[in-house]
């Protein structure tokens, strides 16, 4: 298995890394835009106490989504490294059952992030 092998649907490891990077940049821009739009609405401490929890919730959701992608990427990277070291699997790290378990966990992360 290499970085351009298809993992699921039409996604390769390279595609997954690109998605993680693009999502991070997109969310950074969205958060900055949101904060810029909310700044004029904050005129006093009461306004701030209403707006800050909204921003916090938005950030938390963003972090959880990114965390799932990063976990998935780490699992697949481990599979790629082990797969490139040996064809047997049990000699350098993962047995076939461990590979299956990692792939199942990766699929559950994909399903949960939808």
C-alpha atoms as a PDB file:
ATOM      1  CA  UNK A   1       0.000   0.000   0.000  1.00  0.00           C
ATOM      2  CA  UNK A   2       1.403   3.403  -0.944  1.00  0.00           C
ATOM      3  CA  UNK A   3       0.229   6.988  -0.497  1.00  0.00           C
ATOM      4  CA  UNK A   4      -1.694   6.913  -3.782  1.00  0.00           C
ATOM      5  CA  UNK A   5      -3.566   3.648  -3.168  1.00  0.00           C
ATOM      6  CA  UNK A   6      -7.314   4.070  -2.825  1.00  0.00           C
ATOM      7  CA  UNK A   7      -8.445   3.789   0.787  1.00  0.00           C
ATOM      8  CA  UNK A   8     -12.198   4.154   0.399  1.00  0.00           C
ATOM      9  CA  UNK A   9     -14.499   5.487  -2.279  1.00  0.00           C
ATOM     10  CA  UNK A  10     -12.144   7.614  -4.376  1.00  0.00           C
ATOM     11  CA  UNK A  11      -9.832   8.841  -1.572  1.00  0.00           C
ATOM     12  CA  UNK A  12      -6.133   8.115  -1.351  1.00  0.00           C
ATOM     13  CA  UNK A  13      -3.842   8.974   1.560  1.00  0.00           C
ATOM     14  CA  UNK A  14      -2.592  11.987  -0.391  1.00  0.00           C
ATOM     15  CA  UNK A  15      -6.187  13.139  -0.890  1.00  0.00           C
ATOM     16  CA  UNK A  16      -6.872  12.737   2.816  1.00  0.00           C
ATOM     17  CA  UNK A  17      -3.842  14.836   3.750  1.00  0.00           C
ATOM     18  CA  UNK A  18      -4.916  17.499   1.264  1.00  0.00           C
ATOM     19  CA  UNK A  19      -8.432  17.499   2.777  1.00  0.00           C
ATOM     20  CA  UNK A  20      -7.026  17.943   6.289  1.00  0.00           C
ATOM     21  CA  UNK A  21      -4.909  20.882   5.147  1.00  0.00           C
ATOM     22  CA  UNK A  22      -7.688  22.521   3.117  1.00  0.00           C
ATOM     23  CA  UNK A  23     -10.247  22.078   5.910  1.00  0.00           C
ATOM     24  CA  UNK A  24      -7.878  23.667   8.398  1.00  0.00           C
ATOM     25  CA  UNK A  25      -7.275  26.676   6.148  1.00  0.00           C
ATOM     26  CA  UNK A  26     -10.976  27.007   5.309  1.00  0.00           C
ATOM     27  CA  UNK A  27     -11.985  26.894   8.974  1.00  0.00           C
ATOM     28  CA  UNK A  28      -9.326  29.445   9.868  1.00  0.00           C
ATOM     29  CA  UNK A  29     -10.788  31.833   7.289  1.00  0.00           C
ATOM     30  CA  UNK A  30     -14.362  31.114   8.422  1.00  0.00           C
ATOM     31  CA  UNK A  31     -13.502  31.762  12.067  1.00  0.00           C
ATOM     32  CA  UNK A  32     -11.704  35.006  11.253  1.00  0.00           C
ATOM     33  CA  UNK A  33     -14.656  36.142   9.118  1.00  0.00           C
ATOM     34  CA  UNK A  34     -17.138  35.229  11.854  1.00  0.00           C
ATOM     35  CA  UNK A  35     -15.179  37.136  14.486  1.00  0.00           C
ATOM     36  CA  UNK A  36     -14.837  40.150  12.180  1.00  0.00           C
ATOM     37  CA  UNK A  37     -18.605  40.124  11.580  1.00  0.00           C
ATOM     38  CA  UNK A  38     -19.364  39.877  15.298  1.00  0.00           C
ATOM     39  CA  UNK A  39     -16.961  42.624  16.431  1.00  0.00           C
ATOM     40  CA  UNK A  40     -19.255  45.516  15.438  1.00  0.00           C
ATOM     41  CA  UNK A  41     -22.128  43.894  17.342  1.00  0.00           C
ATOM     42  CA  UNK A  42     -20.230  43.904  20.645  1.00  0.00           C
ATOM     43  CA  UNK A  43     -20.763  47.260  22.331  1.00  0.00           C
ATOM     44  CA  UNK A  44     -20.565  46.304  26.004  1.00  0.00           C
ATOM     45  CA  UNK A  45     -19.848  43.417  28.381  1.00  0.00           C
ATOM     46  CA  UNK A  46     -23.377  42.021  28.027  1.00  0.00           C
ATOM     47  CA  UNK A  47     -23.016  41.783  24.270  1.00  0.00           C
ATOM     48  CA  UNK A  48     -19.632  40.114  24.692  1.00  0.00           C
ATOM     49  CA  UNK A  49     -21.026  37.586  27.175  1.00  0.00           C
ATOM     50  CA  UNK A  50     -23.623  36.593  24.562  1.00  0.00           C
ATOM     51  CA  UNK A  51     -21.254  36.389  21.584  1.00  0.00           C
ATOM     52  CA  UNK A  52     -18.277  34.608  23.131  1.00  0.00           C
ATOM     53  CA  UNK A  53     -20.169  31.337  23.837  1.00  0.00           C
ATOM     54  CA  UNK A  54     -21.303  31.262  20.198  1.00  0.00           C
ATOM     55  CA  UNK A  55     -17.746  31.611  18.992  1.00  0.00           C
ATOM     56  CA  UNK A  56     -16.568  28.997  21.510  1.00  0.00           C
ATOM     57  CA  UNK A  57     -19.161  26.467  20.337  1.00  0.00           C
ATOM     58  CA  UNK A  58     -18.245  27.034  16.705  1.00  0.00           C
ATOM     59  CA  UNK A  59     -14.555  26.489  17.512  1.00  0.00           C
ATOM     60  CA  UNK A  60     -15.281  23.282  19.464  1.00  0.00           C
ATOM     61  CA  UNK A  61     -17.253  21.748  16.603  1.00  0.00           C
ATOM     62  CA  UNK A  62     -14.471  22.655  14.206  1.00  0.00           C
ATOM     63  CA  UNK A  63     -11.823  21.077  16.439  1.00  0.00           C
ATOM     64  CA  UNK A  64     -13.824  17.838  16.805  1.00  0.00           C
ATOM     65  CA  UNK A  65     -14.223  17.503  13.037  1.00  0.00           C
ATOM     66  CA  UNK A  66     -10.535  18.152  12.434  1.00  0.00           C
ATOM     67  CA  UNK A  67      -9.606  15.702  15.203  1.00  0.00           C
ATOM     68  CA  UNK A  68     -11.461  12.897  13.427  1.00  0.00           C
ATOM     69  CA  UNK A  69      -9.588  13.604  10.194  1.00  0.00           C
ATOM     70  CA  UNK A  70      -6.244  13.708  11.986  1.00  0.00           C
ATOM     71  CA  UNK A  71      -6.976  10.380  13.732  1.00  0.00           C
ATOM     72  CA  UNK A  72      -7.933   8.792  10.456  1.00  0.00           C
ATOM     73  CA  UNK A  73      -4.759  10.110   8.851  1.00  0.00           C
ATOM     74  CA  UNK A  74      -2.616   8.722  11.697  1.00  0.00           C
ATOM     75  CA  UNK A  75      -4.191   5.267  11.358  1.00  0.00           C
ATOM     76  CA  UNK A  76      -3.646   5.176   7.622  1.00  0.00           C
ATOM     77  CA  UNK A  77      -0.097   6.487   7.945  1.00  0.00           C
ATOM     78  CA  UNK A  78       0.680   3.651  10.345  1.00  0.00           C
ATOM     79  CA  UNK A  79      -0.727   1.149   7.858  1.00  0.00           C
ATOM     80  CA  UNK A  80       1.390   2.646   5.075  1.00  0.00           C
ATOM     81  CA  UNK A  81       4.583   2.532   7.123  1.00  0.00           C
ATOM     82  CA  UNK A  82       4.051  -1.049   8.226  1.00  0.00           C
ATOM     83  CA  UNK A  83       2.990  -2.115   4.741  1.00  0.00           C
ATOM     84  CA  UNK A  84       6.122  -0.630   3.213  1.00  0.00           C
ATOM     85  CA  UNK A  85       8.411  -2.449   5.661  1.00  0.00           C
ATOM     86  CA  UNK A  86       7.123  -5.951   5.132  1.00  0.00           C
ATOM     87  CA  UNK A  87       4.660  -7.984   3.160  1.00  0.00           C
ATOM     88  CA  UNK A  88       4.098 -10.507   5.976  1.00  0.00           C
ATOM     89  CA  UNK A  89       2.844  -7.937   8.459  1.00  0.00           C
ATOM     90  CA  UNK A  90       3.735  -9.736  11.680  1.00  0.00           C
ATOM     91  CA  UNK A  91       7.498  -9.317  11.325  1.00  0.00           C
ATOM     92  CA  UNK A  92       7.706  -5.534  11.856  1.00  0.00           C
ATOM     93  CA  UNK A  93       4.490  -4.564  13.533  1.00  0.00           C
ATOM     94  CA  UNK A  94       0.926  -5.355  12.574  1.00  0.00           C
ATOM     95  CA  UNK A  95      -0.666  -8.701  12.012  1.00  0.00           C
ATOM     96  CA  UNK A  96      -3.467  -9.117   9.524  1.00  0.00           C
ATOM     97  CA  UNK A  97      -6.057  -8.962  12.338  1.00  0.00           C
ATOM     98  CA  UNK A  98      -4.518  -5.715  13.630  1.00  0.00           C
ATOM     99  CA  UNK A  99      -4.691  -4.242  10.138  1.00  0.00           C
ATOM    100  CA  UNK A 100      -8.359  -5.205   9.880  1.00  0.00           C
ATOM    101  CA  UNK A 101      -9.041  -3.633  13.273  1.00  0.00           C
ATOM    102  CA  UNK A 102      -7.332  -0.385  12.237  1.00  0.00           C
ATOM    103  CA  UNK A 103      -9.256  -0.284   8.965  1.00  0.00           C
ATOM    104  CA  UNK A 104     -12.547  -0.864  10.828  1.00  0.00           C
ATOM    105  CA  UNK A 105     -11.693   1.936  13.254  1.00  0.00           C
ATOM    106  CA  UNK A 106     -10.812   4.215  10.352  1.00  0.00           C
ATOM    107  CA  UNK A 107     -14.128   3.433   8.661  1.00  0.00           C
ATOM    108  CA  UNK A 108     -16.046   4.167  11.872  1.00  0.00           C
ATOM    109  CA  UNK A 109     -14.282   7.542  12.125  1.00  0.00           C
ATOM    110  CA  UNK A 110     -15.270   8.301   8.539  1.00  0.00           C
ATOM    111  CA  UNK A 111     -18.862   7.311   9.247  1.00  0.00           C
ATOM    112  CA  UNK A 112     -18.999   9.404  12.446  1.00  0.00           C
ATOM    113  CA  UNK A 113     -17.634  12.502  10.743  1.00  0.00           C
ATOM    114  CA  UNK A 114     -20.435  12.551   8.151  1.00  0.00           C
END
